[in-house]
Amino acid sequence: MSERTQPEAIKTGQTIPVFKQFLNIALRSAIEVVTGLFLSKKRNYITEQLFKKLYEDYELRRKMITKLRNSL
């Protein structure tokens, strides 16, 4: 693997399995945040509009992290 195509995980000194584990933890943390979003919406702490925007943000990041993890 050339220096240009080497995954960033290796460049920063992490092994691929360790970096994948980090990404899995990030995904689980995001799910916990979404649980908080649902509770906030149910208790009327946030509006439906804000909930939808934040949930869309979560979905985008979840897809990005999943694609990155799957590409390793």
N, C-alpha and C. Protein backbone atom coordinates (compact mmCIF):
# COMPACT_ATOMS: atom_id res chain seq x y z
N MET A 1 0.85 -1.17 0.00
CA MET A 1 0.00 0.00 0.00
C MET A 1 0.90 1.24 0.00
N SER A 2 0.66 2.13 -0.91
CA SER A 2 1.48 3.33 -1.00
C SER A 2 1.11 4.33 0.09
N GLU A 3 1.97 5.30 0.31
CA GLU A 3 1.72 6.32 1.33
C GLU A 3 0.45 7.09 1.01
N ARG A 4 0.18 7.34 -0.28
CA ARG A 4 -1.02 8.10 -0.66
C ARG A 4 -2.32 7.36 -0.37
N THR A 5 -2.32 6.04 -0.48
CA THR A 5 -3.55 5.28 -0.30
C THR A 5 -3.66 4.65 1.08
N GLN A 6 -2.66 4.85 1.91
CA GLN A 6 -2.68 4.25 3.24
C GLN A 6 -3.79 4.87 4.08
N PRO A 7 -4.61 4.04 4.72
CA PRO A 7 -5.71 4.60 5.54
C PRO A 7 -5.19 5.52 6.64
N GLU A 8 -5.98 6.51 6.94
CA GLU A 8 -5.61 7.50 7.96
C GLU A 8 -5.37 6.83 9.31
N ALA A 9 -6.07 5.75 9.59
CA ALA A 9 -5.90 5.07 10.87
C ALA A 9 -4.47 4.61 11.06
N ILE A 10 -3.85 4.15 10.00
CA ILE A 10 -2.47 3.69 10.09
C ILE A 10 -1.53 4.89 10.21
N LYS A 11 -1.81 5.95 9.49
CA LYS A 11 -0.96 7.14 9.53
C LYS A 11 -0.89 7.74 10.93
N THR A 12 -1.98 7.60 11.70
CA THR A 12 -2.00 8.19 13.04
C THR A 12 -1.50 7.21 14.10
N GLY A 13 -1.05 6.06 13.69
CA GLY A 13 -0.48 5.10 14.63
C GLY A 13 -1.49 4.10 15.18
N GLN A 14 -2.74 4.19 14.78
CA GLN A 14 -3.74 3.22 15.23
C GLN A 14 -3.78 2.05 14.26
N THR A 15 -4.08 0.89 14.79
CA THR A 15 -4.29 -0.25 13.90
C THR A 15 -5.72 -0.19 13.36
N ILE A 16 -5.95 -0.84 12.25
CA ILE A 16 -7.29 -0.85 11.67
C ILE A 16 -8.32 -1.44 12.65
N PRO A 17 -8.05 -2.58 13.30
CA PRO A 17 -9.04 -3.10 14.26
C PRO A 17 -9.36 -2.13 15.39
N VAL A 18 -8.35 -1.42 15.89
CA VAL A 18 -8.59 -0.45 16.97
C VAL A 18 -9.43 0.71 16.45
N PHE A 19 -9.15 1.17 15.25
CA PHE A 19 -9.91 2.27 14.67
C PHE A 19 -11.36 1.83 14.42
N LYS A 20 -11.56 0.60 13.95
CA LYS A 20 -12.92 0.10 13.75
C LYS A 20 -13.67 0.03 15.08
N GLN A 21 -12.98 -0.38 16.13
CA GLN A 21 -13.60 -0.43 17.46
C GLN A 21 -14.01 0.98 17.89
N PHE A 22 -13.16 1.96 17.63
CA PHE A 22 -13.48 3.34 17.94
C PHE A 22 -14.74 3.78 17.19
N LEU A 23 -14.83 3.42 15.91
CA LEU A 23 -16.00 3.79 15.12
C LEU A 23 -17.27 3.09 15.63
N ASN A 24 -17.14 1.85 16.07
CA ASN A 24 -18.28 1.15 16.66
C ASN A 24 -18.76 1.85 17.93
N ILE A 25 -17.82 2.30 18.74
CA ILE A 25 -18.18 3.03 19.96
C ILE A 25 -18.88 4.34 19.59
N ALA A 26 -18.39 5.00 18.55
CA ALA A 26 -19.02 6.25 18.11
C ALA A 26 -20.46 6.00 17.66
N LEU A 27 -20.69 4.90 16.96
CA LEU A 27 -22.06 4.57 16.52
C LEU A 27 -22.97 4.29 17.71
N ARG A 28 -22.47 3.55 18.69
CA ARG A 28 -23.29 3.26 19.87
C ARG A 28 -23.59 4.55 20.65
N SER A 29 -22.63 5.44 20.72
CA SER A 29 -22.85 6.72 21.40
C SER A 29 -23.91 7.54 20.69
N ALA A 30 -23.88 7.50 19.37
CA ALA A 30 -24.88 8.24 18.59
C ALA A 30 -26.28 7.70 18.86
N ILE A 31 -26.39 6.38 19.00
CA ILE A 31 -27.69 5.77 19.29
C ILE A 31 -28.19 6.24 20.66
N GLU A 32 -27.29 6.38 21.61
CA GLU A 32 -27.69 6.88 22.94
C GLU A 32 -28.21 8.31 22.83
N VAL A 33 -27.58 9.11 22.01
CA VAL A 33 -28.03 10.49 21.83
C VAL A 33 -29.42 10.51 21.20
N VAL A 34 -29.66 9.63 20.24
CA VAL A 34 -30.98 9.57 19.60
C VAL A 34 -32.04 9.17 20.62
N THR A 35 -31.71 8.29 21.53
CA THR A 35 -32.65 7.94 22.59
C THR A 35 -33.03 9.19 23.38
N GLY A 36 -32.04 10.03 23.66
CA GLY A 36 -32.31 11.30 24.33
C GLY A 36 -33.18 12.22 23.51
N LEU A 37 -32.98 12.20 22.19
CA LEU A 37 -33.81 13.01 21.31
C LEU A 37 -35.28 12.59 21.39
N PHE A 38 -35.50 11.27 21.34
CA PHE A 38 -36.88 10.78 21.42
C PHE A 38 -37.53 11.15 22.75
N LEU A 39 -36.78 11.02 23.83
CA LEU A 39 -37.31 11.41 25.14
C LEU A 39 -37.61 12.91 25.20
N SER A 40 -36.71 13.70 24.64
CA SER A 40 -36.90 15.16 24.64
C SER A 40 -38.14 15.54 23.85
N LYS A 41 -38.35 14.86 22.73
CA LYS A 41 -39.54 15.14 21.93
C LYS A 41 -40.80 14.71 22.68
N LYS A 42 -40.76 13.52 23.27
CA LYS A 42 -41.93 13.01 24.00
C LYS A 42 -42.31 13.93 25.16
N ARG A 43 -41.32 14.51 25.81
CA ARG A 43 -41.58 15.39 26.96
C ARG A 43 -41.75 16.86 26.56
N ASN A 44 -41.79 17.08 25.25
CA ASN A 44 -42.00 18.43 24.70
C ASN A 44 -40.89 19.41 25.08
N TYR A 45 -39.67 18.90 25.24
CA TYR A 45 -38.52 19.79 25.47
C TYR A 45 -38.04 20.41 24.16
N ILE A 46 -38.31 19.69 23.06
CA ILE A 46 -37.92 20.19 21.74
C ILE A 46 -39.13 20.09 20.81
N THR A 47 -39.11 20.90 19.77
CA THR A 47 -40.21 20.88 18.80
C THR A 47 -40.02 19.72 17.82
N GLU A 48 -41.10 19.40 17.14
CA GLU A 48 -41.04 18.36 16.10
C GLU A 48 -40.05 18.76 15.01
N GLN A 49 -40.04 20.04 14.66
CA GLN A 49 -39.14 20.54 13.63
C GLN A 49 -37.67 20.35 14.04
N LEU A 50 -37.34 20.71 15.27
CA LEU A 50 -35.97 20.54 15.75
C LEU A 50 -35.61 19.07 15.83
N PHE A 51 -36.55 18.25 16.29
CA PHE A 51 -36.32 16.81 16.36
C PHE A 51 -35.96 16.26 14.98
N LYS A 52 -36.75 16.63 13.98
CA LYS A 52 -36.51 16.13 12.62
C LYS A 52 -35.14 16.55 12.11
N LYS A 53 -34.76 17.80 12.36
CA LYS A 53 -33.46 18.28 11.90
C LYS A 53 -32.33 17.52 12.59
N LEU A 54 -32.43 17.38 13.90
CA LEU A 54 -31.38 16.68 14.64
C LEU A 54 -31.31 15.20 14.26
N TYR A 55 -32.47 14.59 14.02
CA TYR A 55 -32.48 13.19 13.62
C TYR A 55 -31.87 13.02 12.24
N GLU A 56 -32.15 13.96 11.33
CA GLU A 56 -31.53 13.92 10.01
C GLU A 56 -30.01 14.07 10.12
N ASP A 57 -29.56 14.94 11.01
CA ASP A 57 -28.12 15.10 11.23
C ASP A 57 -27.51 13.79 11.73
N TYR A 58 -28.21 13.15 12.66
CA TYR A 58 -27.75 11.85 13.16
C TYR A 58 -27.66 10.82 12.03
N GLU A 59 -28.70 10.73 11.21
CA GLU A 59 -28.71 9.76 10.12
C GLU A 59 -27.54 9.99 9.16
N LEU A 60 -27.26 11.23 8.84
CA LEU A 60 -26.15 11.54 7.95
C LEU A 60 -24.83 11.08 8.56
N ARG A 61 -24.61 11.39 9.80
CA ARG A 61 -23.36 11.01 10.47
C ARG A 61 -23.25 9.49 10.64
N ARG A 62 -24.38 8.85 10.95
CA ARG A 62 -24.37 7.39 11.09
C ARG A 62 -23.97 6.73 9.77
N LYS A 63 -24.52 7.23 8.69
CA LYS A 63 -24.18 6.67 7.38
C LYS A 63 -22.71 6.89 7.04
N MET A 64 -22.21 8.07 7.37
CA MET A 64 -20.81 8.38 7.08
C MET A 64 -19.87 7.47 7.88
N ILE A 65 -20.16 7.32 9.17
CA ILE A 65 -19.31 6.48 10.03
C ILE A 65 -19.39 5.03 9.58
N THR A 66 -20.59 4.56 9.24
CA THR A 66 -20.75 3.18 8.80
C THR A 66 -19.99 2.92 7.51
N LYS A 67 -20.09 3.84 6.56
CA LYS A 67 -19.35 3.67 5.29
C LYS A 67 -17.86 3.68 5.52
N LEU A 68 -17.39 4.56 6.40
CA LEU A 68 -15.96 4.60 6.70
C LEU A 68 -15.52 3.28 7.33
N ARG A 69 -16.27 2.81 8.32
CA ARG A 69 -15.93 1.56 8.99
C ARG A 69 -15.92 0.39 7.99
N ASN A 70 -16.91 0.34 7.12
CA ASN A 70 -17.00 -0.74 6.15
C ASN A 70 -15.93 -0.68 5.07
N SER A 71 -15.35 0.51 4.88
CA SER A 71 -14.31 0.65 3.85
C SER A 71 -12.94 0.19 4.34
N LEU A 72 -12.80 -0.03 5.63
CA LEU A 72 -11.51 -0.43 6.19
C LEU A 72 -11.29 -1.91 6.09
